Amino acid sequence: MTASVGQDTVPGPRVEARRSMAVCALIGAAVTAAVDEIVFHQILGWHHFYDRATTRAGLLSDGLLHTAEVLALCAGFFLYADLRRRRALAVPHAWAGLLLGMGAFQLFDGVVDHKLLRLHQIRYGVDVTPYDVAWNLAGLLLLLAGTGLAVRAARRRPGDGERPG
């Protein structure tokens, strides 16, 4: 059957791989920031985001980090909901992005915040080497897992079981 001249055809949903990965990377970074801030800053009380001044400045820096992470979570989930609503979510790319965001945040925090900028250490009064190794290794493993999923998702051909979310 042929379409008549002037008849509109409605295309199916277009899966957006890059956007799915970027949105979920934002969510992954925000989730990891939340875990770091809640567990290590609040529950364990090991440090503040900025420890090179007064306790008051440290608490303020934690509040600013918490605000940024909540804003990132809200923005990320609104963007995620938009992808789902439009049936444009590329699920394999989304999982890759989530792990990439988690690993990137963790490594950035461990290398840049802890070592280069020296904003804070993981702990004080103890040898931080085992903590640094565990922290950065966990971040590296998340990043590698996300990279592996991203490569696998990129190799998939359209229609290879890819269902819009």
Protein backbone atom coordinates (compact mmCIF):
# COMPACT_ATOMS: atom_id res chain seq x y z
CA MET A 1 0.00 0.00 0.00
CA THR A 2 1.40 3.40 -0.92
CA ALA A 3 0.94 6.63 0.94
CA SER A 4 -1.12 9.24 -0.78
CA VAL A 5 0.42 12.58 -1.65
CA GLY A 6 0.26 15.00 1.28
CA GLN A 7 -0.46 12.29 3.86
CA ASP A 8 1.61 12.78 6.99
CA THR A 9 3.49 9.81 8.32
CA VAL A 10 4.26 9.67 11.99
CA PRO A 11 7.73 8.29 12.66
CA GLY A 12 8.32 6.01 15.60
CA PRO A 13 10.21 7.23 18.66
CA ARG A 14 13.84 8.16 18.04
CA VAL A 15 16.23 6.72 20.63
CA GLU A 16 18.76 9.31 21.81
CA ALA A 17 21.92 7.45 22.82
CA ARG A 18 24.18 10.43 23.59
CA ARG A 19 21.54 12.29 25.56
CA SER A 20 20.66 9.12 27.49
CA MET A 21 24.30 8.67 28.44
CA ALA A 22 24.82 12.33 29.40
CA VAL A 23 21.63 12.54 31.49
CA CYS A 24 22.46 9.37 33.39
CA ALA A 25 26.08 10.48 33.87
CA LEU A 26 24.70 13.59 35.60
CA ILE A 27 22.52 11.38 37.80
CA GLY A 28 25.47 9.06 38.53
CA ALA A 29 27.73 11.91 39.58
CA ALA A 30 24.97 13.36 41.78
CA VAL A 31 24.24 10.00 43.44
CA THR A 32 27.93 9.47 44.20
CA ALA A 33 28.21 13.00 45.58
CA ALA A 34 25.18 12.29 47.77
CA VAL A 35 26.65 9.03 49.09
CA ASP A 36 29.98 10.75 49.78
CA GLU A 37 28.38 13.72 51.48
CA ILE A 38 25.86 11.74 53.55
CA VAL A 39 28.05 8.80 54.57
CA PHE A 40 31.53 10.31 54.91
CA HIS A 41 30.70 13.92 55.78
CA GLN A 42 27.59 13.51 57.94
CA ILE A 43 27.29 9.98 59.32
CA LEU A 44 30.97 9.15 59.84
CA GLY A 45 32.05 12.78 60.24
CA TRP A 46 35.44 12.06 58.65
CA HIS A 47 35.73 15.40 56.89
CA HIS A 48 33.96 18.34 55.29
CA PHE A 49 34.11 19.32 51.63
CA TYR A 50 36.51 22.12 52.60
CA ASP A 51 38.62 21.36 55.67
CA ARG A 52 41.29 24.06 55.42
CA ALA A 53 39.44 26.60 57.55
CA THR A 54 37.00 26.64 60.46
CA THR A 55 34.36 24.02 61.20
CA ARG A 56 31.78 26.63 60.24
CA ALA A 57 33.37 27.02 56.79
CA GLY A 58 33.44 23.22 56.48
CA LEU A 59 29.74 22.96 57.28
CA LEU A 60 28.97 25.73 54.79
CA SER A 61 30.96 23.91 52.10
CA ASP A 62 29.05 20.69 52.88
CA GLY A 63 25.77 22.57 52.54
CA LEU A 64 26.82 23.98 49.17
CA LEU A 65 27.91 20.52 47.98
CA HIS A 66 24.59 19.08 49.17
CA THR A 67 22.68 21.84 47.34
CA ALA A 68 24.60 21.19 44.12
CA GLU A 69 24.03 17.43 44.35
CA VAL A 70 20.27 17.84 44.96
CA LEU A 71 19.98 20.28 42.04
CA ALA A 72 21.89 17.85 39.82
CA LEU A 73 19.63 14.97 40.92
CA CYS A 74 16.47 16.99 40.24
CA ALA A 75 17.69 18.20 36.86
CA GLY A 76 18.92 14.72 35.94
CA PHE A 77 15.64 13.04 36.83
CA PHE A 78 13.59 15.66 35.00
CA LEU A 79 15.72 15.09 31.89
CA TYR A 80 15.45 11.31 32.41
CA ALA A 81 11.65 11.57 32.71
CA ASP A 82 11.59 13.58 29.49
CA LEU A 83 13.54 10.87 27.68
CA ARG A 84 11.15 8.23 29.02
CA ARG A 85 8.06 10.27 28.13
CA ARG A 86 9.28 10.70 24.55
CA ARG A 87 10.34 7.04 24.43
CA ALA A 88 13.84 8.20 23.52
CA LEU A 89 15.79 6.56 26.36
CA ALA A 90 18.59 4.30 25.12
CA VAL A 91 18.77 1.93 28.07
CA PRO A 92 22.27 0.45 27.45
CA HIS A 93 23.70 3.95 26.99
CA ALA A 94 21.88 5.11 30.12
CA TRP A 95 23.48 2.39 32.26
CA ALA A 96 26.88 3.22 30.79
CA GLY A 97 26.36 6.90 31.57
CA LEU A 98 25.30 6.17 35.15
CA LEU A 99 28.50 4.22 35.87
CA LEU A 100 30.66 6.73 33.98
CA GLY A 101 29.23 9.59 36.03
CA MET A 102 29.73 7.70 39.29
CA GLY A 103 33.31 6.76 38.46
CA ALA A 104 34.22 10.20 37.11
CA PHE A 105 32.93 11.92 40.24
CA GLN A 106 34.73 9.50 42.54
CA LEU A 107 38.06 9.77 40.70
CA PHE A 108 37.78 13.55 40.43
CA ASP A 109 37.11 13.76 44.16
CA GLY A 110 39.92 11.35 45.03
CA VAL A 111 42.57 12.82 42.76
CA VAL A 112 41.69 16.49 42.32
CA ASP A 113 39.89 17.36 45.59
CA HIS A 114 41.95 15.14 47.89
CA LYS A 115 45.43 15.24 46.36
CA LEU A 116 45.83 18.19 43.98
CA LEU A 117 43.71 20.85 45.67
CA ARG A 118 43.99 19.27 49.13
CA LEU A 119 40.49 20.48 50.05
CA HIS A 120 40.15 17.56 52.43
CA GLN A 121 41.48 14.08 53.09
CA ILE A 122 39.39 10.95 53.40
CA ARG A 123 40.33 10.73 57.09
CA TYR A 124 42.63 12.49 59.49
CA GLY A 125 45.02 11.14 62.08
CA VAL A 126 45.60 7.84 60.28
CA ASP A 127 47.64 6.63 57.32
CA VAL A 128 45.34 7.60 54.43
CA THR A 129 47.06 5.34 51.86
CA PRO A 130 44.62 2.39 52.23
CA TYR A 131 41.67 4.80 52.09
CA ASP A 132 43.05 6.56 49.02
CA VAL A 133 43.71 3.25 47.25
CA ALA A 134 40.23 1.92 48.03
CA TRP A 135 38.52 5.22 47.09
CA ASN A 136 40.34 5.70 43.80
CA LEU A 137 40.25 2.01 42.87
CA ALA A 138 36.46 1.97 43.38
CA GLY A 139 36.17 5.05 41.16
CA LEU A 140 38.41 3.50 38.52
CA LEU A 141 36.39 0.26 38.53
CA LEU A 142 33.14 2.22 38.08
CA LEU A 143 34.71 4.20 35.25
CA LEU A 144 36.02 1.05 33.55
CA ALA A 145 32.66 -0.70 33.90
CA GLY A 146 30.92 2.34 32.42
CA THR A 147 33.42 2.48 29.57
CA GLY A 148 32.87 -1.20 28.84
CA LEU A 149 29.11 -0.72 28.77
CA ALA A 150 29.49 2.37 26.56
CA VAL A 151 31.62 0.47 24.04
CA ARG A 152 29.17 -2.42 24.07
CA ALA A 153 26.21 -0.06 23.61
CA ALA A 154 27.95 1.78 20.74
CA ARG A 155 28.55 -1.51 18.91
CA ARG A 156 24.88 -2.40 18.96
CA ARG A 157 23.05 -1.86 15.71
CA PRO A 158 19.67 -0.16 15.77
CA GLY A 159 17.04 -2.80 16.26
CA ASP A 160 19.34 -5.21 18.15
CA GLY A 161 16.91 -5.54 21.00
CA GLU A 162 17.08 -1.79 21.73
CA ARG A 163 13.77 -0.83 23.19
CA PRO A 164 13.00 2.80 23.78
CA GLY A 165 12.55 3.44 27.49
